[in-house]
């Protein structure tokens, strides 16, 4: 961990989801940060405003008040504009999805996290960058784990969600709860249409008895074994003739990623295959994968490369 001379000027970007889910923690973080430094507070209402505020930060240190999605969004934007090397990020985790921030060492309490912003030290961390210029801070998994409701589903960690037809709805995470994707179709308007029409409610109830209930997101049955070729630094770890139950990839020692493949077997469970390297390629039939909390794909091949010390995160100074 490297000690840095921290600027006393902060740009505090408060995610709208954090403002809605835990306004008290947001207020506490803002008070602590404002008391310890000169803080400019920004309240973006959408991805475009978030990106604009981050790009116009000047010499101010960006501080994200939000969940893992806000952190992923900021790292993705800075990487896209090749500004990660000269920008140390700070996070005050507020929200429901905080596993990534916690695993990186960020305190999850508002006061402790805000004190780390003011008095902490920058730690340079490795970054996994794929061949489509996407970034991974934590881990990659195949098959993707079930996606909890409200977590990102789609490219670039922008807090996107998918509709009934699989189309990506990039604005859902920024809407207020209860607002409809298509005005006048769902919610209160649907209820109002049924008022005074008992026959309509009867028909709706009858149709519901005929049509199987739509499964909740994140409850789909686990997929069967997949056929994938996994190469680590050009050496094949497993080929298409060996079905696998799972694949995982995560940063390991500095500059190196750790890979684990779980082969499928009949009878006794096969031992996992493990390897380390700087470049990892997965190919095969079109597959989906989960990078941090974002599910992407399907793709036929994907390569991840480790960028050593590519980004900086403010963490509590070692005692």
Protein backbone atom coordinates (compact mmCIF):
# COMPACT_ATOMS: atom_id res chain seq x y z
CA UNK A 1 0.00 0.00 0.00
CA UNK A 2 1.35 3.42 -0.99
CA UNK A 3 0.92 6.59 1.04
CA UNK A 4 -0.27 9.54 -1.07
CA UNK A 5 -0.59 13.24 -0.46
CA UNK A 6 -4.37 13.52 -0.66
CA UNK A 7 -6.02 16.60 -2.06
CA UNK A 8 -8.30 18.45 0.34
CA UNK A 9 -10.74 19.10 -2.52
CA UNK A 10 -13.28 16.38 -3.17
CA UNK A 11 -15.96 15.72 -5.77
CA UNK A 12 -18.64 13.72 -3.94
CA UNK A 13 -20.81 11.83 -6.44
CA UNK A 14 -23.94 10.54 -4.71
CA UNK A 15 -25.66 7.73 -6.57
CA UNK A 16 -29.45 8.16 -6.88
CA UNK A 17 -30.06 4.59 -5.74
CA UNK A 18 -28.11 5.32 -2.54
CA UNK A 19 -30.17 8.44 -1.95
CA UNK A 20 -33.37 6.41 -2.19
CA UNK A 21 -32.30 3.34 -0.23
CA UNK A 22 -30.38 4.84 2.70
CA UNK A 23 -30.66 8.60 2.93
CA UNK A 24 -29.38 8.63 6.51
CA UNK A 25 -26.05 7.01 5.59
CA UNK A 26 -25.73 9.42 2.67
CA UNK A 27 -26.26 12.37 5.01
CA UNK A 28 -23.70 11.06 7.52
CA UNK A 29 -21.10 10.50 4.79
CA UNK A 30 -21.68 13.96 3.35
CA UNK A 31 -21.34 15.59 6.79
CA UNK A 32 -18.09 13.77 7.63
CA UNK A 33 -16.55 14.51 4.23
CA UNK A 34 -17.60 18.17 4.27
CA UNK A 35 -16.18 18.61 7.77
CA UNK A 36 -12.79 17.21 6.79
CA UNK A 37 -12.26 18.67 3.32
CA UNK A 38 -13.59 21.10 0.76
CA UNK A 39 -16.29 19.03 -0.90
CA UNK A 40 -18.35 19.71 -3.99
CA UNK A 41 -21.45 17.51 -3.93
CA UNK A 42 -22.94 16.24 -7.18
CA UNK A 43 -26.35 14.54 -7.41
CA UNK A 44 -26.50 12.94 -10.88
CA UNK A 45 -29.90 11.66 -11.97
CA UNK A 46 -28.68 9.38 -14.76
CA UNK A 47 -25.65 7.75 -16.38
CA UNK A 48 -24.99 10.72 -18.64
CA UNK A 49 -24.93 13.19 -15.75
CA UNK A 50 -22.72 10.84 -13.75
CA UNK A 51 -20.22 10.57 -16.61
CA UNK A 52 -20.27 14.33 -17.23
CA UNK A 53 -19.60 15.16 -13.57
CA UNK A 54 -16.76 12.65 -13.37
CA UNK A 55 -15.11 13.97 -16.52
CA UNK A 56 -15.33 17.57 -15.23
CA UNK A 57 -13.82 16.81 -11.82
CA UNK A 58 -10.66 18.84 -12.50
CA UNK A 59 -8.18 18.42 -9.65
CA UNK A 60 -10.83 17.22 -7.21
CA UNK A 61 -10.61 13.65 -5.91
CA UNK A 62 -13.72 11.68 -6.87
CA UNK A 63 -15.62 10.10 -3.99
CA UNK A 64 -18.43 7.70 -4.84
CA UNK A 65 -21.31 7.36 -2.40
CA UNK A 66 -23.16 4.30 -3.61
CA UNK A 67 -23.00 0.55 -4.07
CA UNK A 68 -20.82 -1.73 -6.19
CA UNK A 69 -22.57 -0.58 -9.35
CA UNK A 70 -21.38 2.99 -8.79
CA UNK A 71 -17.80 1.77 -8.34
CA UNK A 72 -17.94 -0.38 -11.49
CA UNK A 73 -19.46 2.49 -13.44
CA UNK A 74 -16.70 4.90 -12.40
CA UNK A 75 -13.84 2.49 -13.11
CA UNK A 76 -15.32 1.64 -16.51
CA UNK A 77 -15.63 5.31 -17.46
CA UNK A 78 -12.12 6.21 -16.31
CA UNK A 79 -10.67 3.18 -18.10
CA UNK A 80 -12.51 4.06 -21.30
CA UNK A 81 -10.97 7.54 -21.25
CA UNK A 82 -7.55 6.21 -20.14
CA UNK A 83 -7.62 8.23 -16.92
CA UNK A 84 -7.32 5.44 -14.35
CA UNK A 85 -3.58 5.77 -13.85
CA UNK A 86 -3.78 9.31 -12.53
CA UNK A 87 -6.97 9.05 -10.48
CA UNK A 88 -7.34 7.45 -7.05
CA UNK A 89 -10.97 6.54 -6.39
CA UNK A 90 -12.69 6.63 -3.02
CA UNK A 91 -15.91 4.83 -2.07
CA UNK A 92 -18.41 5.21 0.74
CA UNK A 93 -20.51 2.04 0.29
CA UNK A 94 -24.22 2.73 0.58
CA UNK A 95 -26.88 0.38 -0.79
CA UNK A 96 -27.69 -3.30 -0.96
CA UNK A 97 -24.95 -4.63 -3.27
CA UNK A 98 -21.71 -4.11 -1.32
CA UNK A 99 -19.92 -7.45 -1.62
CA UNK A 100 -17.32 -6.21 -4.10
CA UNK A 101 -16.44 -3.10 -2.06
CA UNK A 102 -16.16 -5.22 1.08
CA UNK A 103 -13.89 -7.74 -0.63
CA UNK A 104 -11.58 -4.93 -1.75
CA UNK A 105 -11.13 -3.77 1.85
CA UNK A 106 -13.43 -0.74 1.91
CA UNK A 107 -15.17 -0.23 5.30
CA UNK A 108 -18.92 -0.64 4.96
CA UNK A 109 -19.88 1.81 7.73
CA UNK A 110 -20.53 5.35 6.51
CA UNK A 111 -18.32 7.02 9.14
CA UNK A 112 -15.41 4.58 8.80
CA UNK A 113 -15.52 4.72 5.00
CA UNK A 114 -15.63 8.52 5.00
CA UNK A 115 -12.65 8.65 7.39
CA UNK A 116 -10.74 6.35 5.02
CA UNK A 117 -11.44 8.85 2.22
CA UNK A 118 -9.93 11.65 4.29
CA UNK A 119 -7.10 9.88 6.11
CA UNK A 120 -6.49 6.68 4.16
CA UNK A 121 -3.83 5.57 1.71
CA UNK A 122 -4.02 4.67 -1.95
CA UNK A 123 -3.61 1.03 -2.88
CA UNK A 124 -2.83 0.12 -6.47
CA UNK A 125 -4.90 -2.86 -7.60
CA UNK A 126 -4.80 -5.16 -10.60
CA UNK A 127 -7.49 -4.92 -13.24
CA UNK A 128 -8.80 -7.59 -15.61
CA UNK A 129 -9.46 -6.09 -19.06
CA UNK A 130 -11.25 -8.14 -21.73
CA UNK A 131 -10.95 -8.00 -25.50
CA UNK A 132 -14.02 -5.75 -25.75
CA UNK A 133 -12.38 -3.23 -23.36
CA UNK A 134 -14.62 -4.25 -20.46
CA UNK A 135 -13.15 -4.27 -16.96
CA UNK A 136 -13.40 -6.67 -14.02
CA UNK A 137 -12.47 -5.64 -10.48
CA UNK A 138 -13.26 -8.91 -8.73
CA UNK A 139 -14.11 -12.24 -10.34
CA UNK A 140 -15.44 -13.84 -13.52
CA UNK A 141 -17.69 -16.90 -13.36
CA UNK A 142 -19.14 -19.38 -15.86
CA UNK A 143 -21.96 -20.27 -15.68
CA UNK A 144 -23.12 -16.91 -14.30
CA UNK A 145 -24.64 -17.08 -10.86
CA UNK A 146 -28.29 -16.18 -10.46
CA UNK A 147 -28.76 -12.42 -10.78
CA UNK A 148 -30.42 -10.97 -7.67
CA UNK A 149 -33.24 -8.56 -8.41
CA UNK A 150 -31.98 -5.03 -9.00
CA UNK A 151 -28.38 -5.92 -9.82
CA UNK A 152 -26.81 -5.05 -13.16
CA UNK A 153 -27.51 -7.33 -16.10
CA UNK A 154 -25.78 -6.27 -19.28
CA UNK A 155 -22.64 -4.55 -20.55
CA UNK A 156 -20.35 -2.11 -18.81
CA UNK A 157 -21.83 -2.35 -15.32
CA UNK A 158 -24.20 0.53 -15.96
CA UNK A 159 -26.92 -0.77 -13.67
CA UNK A 160 -28.92 -2.12 -16.58
CA UNK A 161 -31.75 -4.61 -16.54
CA UNK A 162 -33.42 -6.79 -19.13
CA UNK A 163 -37.04 -6.75 -20.17
CA UNK A 164 -39.32 -9.70 -20.90
CA UNK A 165 -37.91 -10.03 -24.42
CA UNK A 166 -34.31 -9.90 -23.20
CA UNK A 167 -33.79 -6.33 -24.41
CA UNK A 168 -31.59 -4.21 -22.19
CA UNK A 169 -33.24 -1.33 -20.34
CA UNK A 170 -30.39 0.96 -19.33
CA UNK A 171 -32.47 3.40 -17.33
CA UNK A 172 -34.16 1.05 -14.87
CA UNK A 173 -31.67 1.43 -12.06
CA UNK A 174 -32.06 5.22 -12.23
CA UNK A 175 -35.89 5.26 -12.05
CA UNK A 176 -37.89 5.80 -8.92
CA UNK A 177 -39.48 2.60 -7.55
CA UNK A 178 -42.94 1.95 -8.94
CA UNK A 179 -42.49 3.83 -12.21
CA UNK A 180 -43.43 1.94 -15.32
CA UNK A 181 -41.11 1.16 -18.24
CA UNK A 182 -44.02 1.97 -20.61
CA UNK A 183 -46.24 4.82 -19.36
CA UNK A 184 -49.91 3.99 -19.16
CA UNK A 185 -49.43 0.23 -19.47
CA UNK A 186 -48.58 -1.09 -16.04
CA UNK A 187 -49.07 -0.17 -12.40
CA UNK A 188 -51.82 2.22 -11.41
CA UNK A 189 -53.18 2.59 -14.94
CA UNK A 190 -53.75 -1.17 -15.17
CA UNK A 191 -55.57 -1.18 -11.84
CA UNK A 192 -57.68 1.79 -12.87
CA UNK A 193 -58.72 0.01 -16.06
CA UNK A 194 -60.16 -2.85 -14.01
CA UNK A 195 -62.18 -0.57 -11.69
CA UNK A 196 -65.84 -0.82 -12.55
CA UNK A 197 -65.27 -3.80 -14.82
CA UNK A 198 -65.79 -6.96 -12.70
CA UNK A 199 -65.87 -9.08 -15.87
CA UNK A 200 -62.32 -7.93 -16.70
CA UNK A 201 -61.00 -8.97 -13.30
CA UNK A 202 -62.73 -12.35 -13.69
CA UNK A 203 -61.11 -12.90 -17.10
CA UNK A 204 -57.70 -11.90 -15.76
CA UNK A 205 -58.03 -14.35 -12.86
CA UNK A 206 -59.09 -17.12 -15.23
CA UNK A 207 -56.13 -16.48 -17.57
CA UNK A 208 -53.72 -16.58 -14.61
CA UNK A 209 -54.98 -20.08 -13.76
CA UNK A 210 -54.16 -21.25 -17.31
CA UNK A 211 -50.77 -19.60 -17.80
CA UNK A 212 -47.86 -20.89 -15.69
CA UNK A 213 -46.45 -18.31 -13.34
CA UNK A 214 -43.36 -16.56 -14.72
CA UNK A 215 -40.35 -17.59 -12.63
CA UNK A 216 -38.75 -14.86 -10.58
CA UNK A 217 -35.41 -13.49 -11.78
CA UNK A 218 -32.51 -15.39 -10.36
CA UNK A 219 -34.44 -18.66 -9.90
CA UNK A 220 -33.66 -20.30 -13.26
CA UNK A 221 -32.45 -23.88 -12.99
CA UNK A 222 -28.70 -24.37 -13.04
CA UNK A 223 -27.39 -25.09 -16.54
CA UNK A 224 -25.78 -28.43 -17.34
CA UNK A 225 -22.11 -29.00 -18.15
CA UNK A 226 -20.61 -26.76 -20.83
CA UNK A 227 -17.95 -27.51 -23.40
CA UNK A 228 -15.30 -24.80 -23.22
CA UNK A 229 -11.69 -24.43 -24.20
CA UNK A 230 -9.71 -22.59 -21.51
CA UNK A 231 -6.22 -21.34 -22.35
CA UNK A 232 -3.84 -19.70 -19.88
CA UNK A 233 -0.93 -17.82 -21.45
CA UNK A 234 -1.43 -19.86 -24.61
CA UNK A 235 -1.43 -23.25 -22.85
CA UNK A 236 -4.68 -25.25 -22.98
CA UNK A 237 -5.96 -26.09 -19.51
CA UNK A 238 -9.12 -27.86 -20.69
CA UNK A 239 -10.42 -28.51 -24.21
CA UNK A 240 -13.82 -28.90 -25.82
CA UNK A 241 -13.85 -32.67 -25.42
CA UNK A 242 -14.03 -32.32 -21.62
CA UNK A 243 -17.38 -30.96 -20.30
CA UNK A 244 -17.02 -28.60 -17.35
CA UNK A 245 -19.38 -27.61 -14.56
CA UNK A 246 -17.79 -24.25 -13.92
CA UNK A 247 -15.01 -21.78 -14.57
CA UNK A 248 -13.73 -18.96 -12.35
CA UNK A 249 -11.13 -16.24 -12.83
CA UNK A 250 -9.88 -13.67 -10.33
CA UNK A 251 -6.82 -11.51 -9.66
CA UNK A 252 -4.18 -13.40 -7.67
CA UNK A 253 -0.63 -12.35 -6.89
CA UNK A 254 0.35 -8.96 -8.38
CA UNK A 255 0.24 -9.16 -12.16
CA UNK A 256 -1.24 -12.67 -12.21
CA UNK A 257 -4.76 -14.10 -12.44
CA UNK A 258 -5.85 -17.38 -10.88
CA UNK A 259 -8.01 -19.77 -12.90
CA UNK A 260 -10.07 -22.71 -11.68
CA UNK A 261 -12.01 -25.14 -13.88
CA UNK A 262 -14.35 -27.79 -12.44
CA UNK A 263 -14.55 -30.71 -14.90
CA UNK A 264 -17.76 -32.71 -15.17
CA UNK A 265 -17.44 -36.37 -14.25
CA UNK A 266 -19.46 -39.54 -13.88
CA UNK A 267 -19.27 -41.03 -10.42
CA UNK A 268 -16.60 -39.55 -8.18
CA UNK A 269 -16.20 -35.79 -8.37
CA UNK A 270 -13.21 -34.73 -10.48
CA UNK A 271 -10.56 -32.53 -8.89
CA UNK A 272 -10.56 -28.88 -10.00
CA UNK A 273 -7.92 -27.81 -12.51
CA UNK A 274 -6.01 -24.69 -11.44
CA UNK A 275 -3.52 -22.42 -13.17
CA UNK A 276 -2.08 -18.90 -13.02
CA UNK A 277 -1.21 -16.53 -15.82
CA UNK A 278 -1.51 -13.05 -17.28
CA UNK A 279 -3.83 -13.83 -20.21
CA UNK A 280 -6.84 -16.16 -20.10
CA UNK A 281 -9.01 -17.08 -23.09
CA UNK A 282 -12.30 -18.98 -22.96
CA UNK A 283 -13.97 -20.18 -26.16
CA UNK A 284 -16.67 -22.62 -27.19
CA UNK A 285 -20.38 -22.63 -27.83
CA UNK A 286 -21.99 -19.27 -27.12
CA UNK A 287 -21.88 -18.75 -23.37
CA UNK A 288 -22.78 -16.15 -20.79
CA UNK A 289 -20.47 -15.11 -18.00
CA UNK A 290 -20.70 -13.02 -14.86
CA UNK A 291 -18.02 -10.36 -14.37
CA UNK A 292 -18.34 -8.87 -10.88
CA UNK A 293 -22.12 -8.33 -10.70
CA UNK A 294 -22.70 -7.95 -14.44
CA UNK A 295 -23.93 -10.79 -16.65
CA UNK A 296 -22.73 -10.51 -20.26
CA UNK A 297 -23.00 -12.54 -23.44
CA UNK A 298 -23.63 -14.74 -25.16
CA UNK A 299 -20.17 -14.74 -26.76
CA UNK A 300 -18.15 -17.36 -28.59
CA UNK A 301 -14.79 -16.32 -27.16
CA UNK A 302 -13.50 -13.91 -24.54
CA UNK A 303 -9.96 -13.04 -23.46
CA UNK A 304 -9.02 -11.36 -20.20
CA UNK A 305 -5.62 -9.77 -19.57
CA UNK A 306 -4.23 -8.68 -16.22
CA UNK A 307 -3.16 -5.03 -15.96
CA UNK A 308 -0.94 -4.83 -12.91
CA UNK A 309 -1.59 -1.89 -10.59
CA UNK A 310 -3.91 -0.33 -13.16
CA UNK A 311 -6.20 1.50 -10.73
CA UNK A 312 -6.02 3.05 -7.28
CA UNK A 313 -8.46 2.80 -4.38
CA UNK A 314 -8.33 4.72 -1.10
CA UNK A 315 -8.34 2.31 1.84
CA UNK A 316 -7.78 2.72 5.59
CA UNK A 317 -4.12 3.44 6.30
CA UNK A 318 -2.31 0.50 7.90
CA UNK A 319 -2.13 0.85 11.66
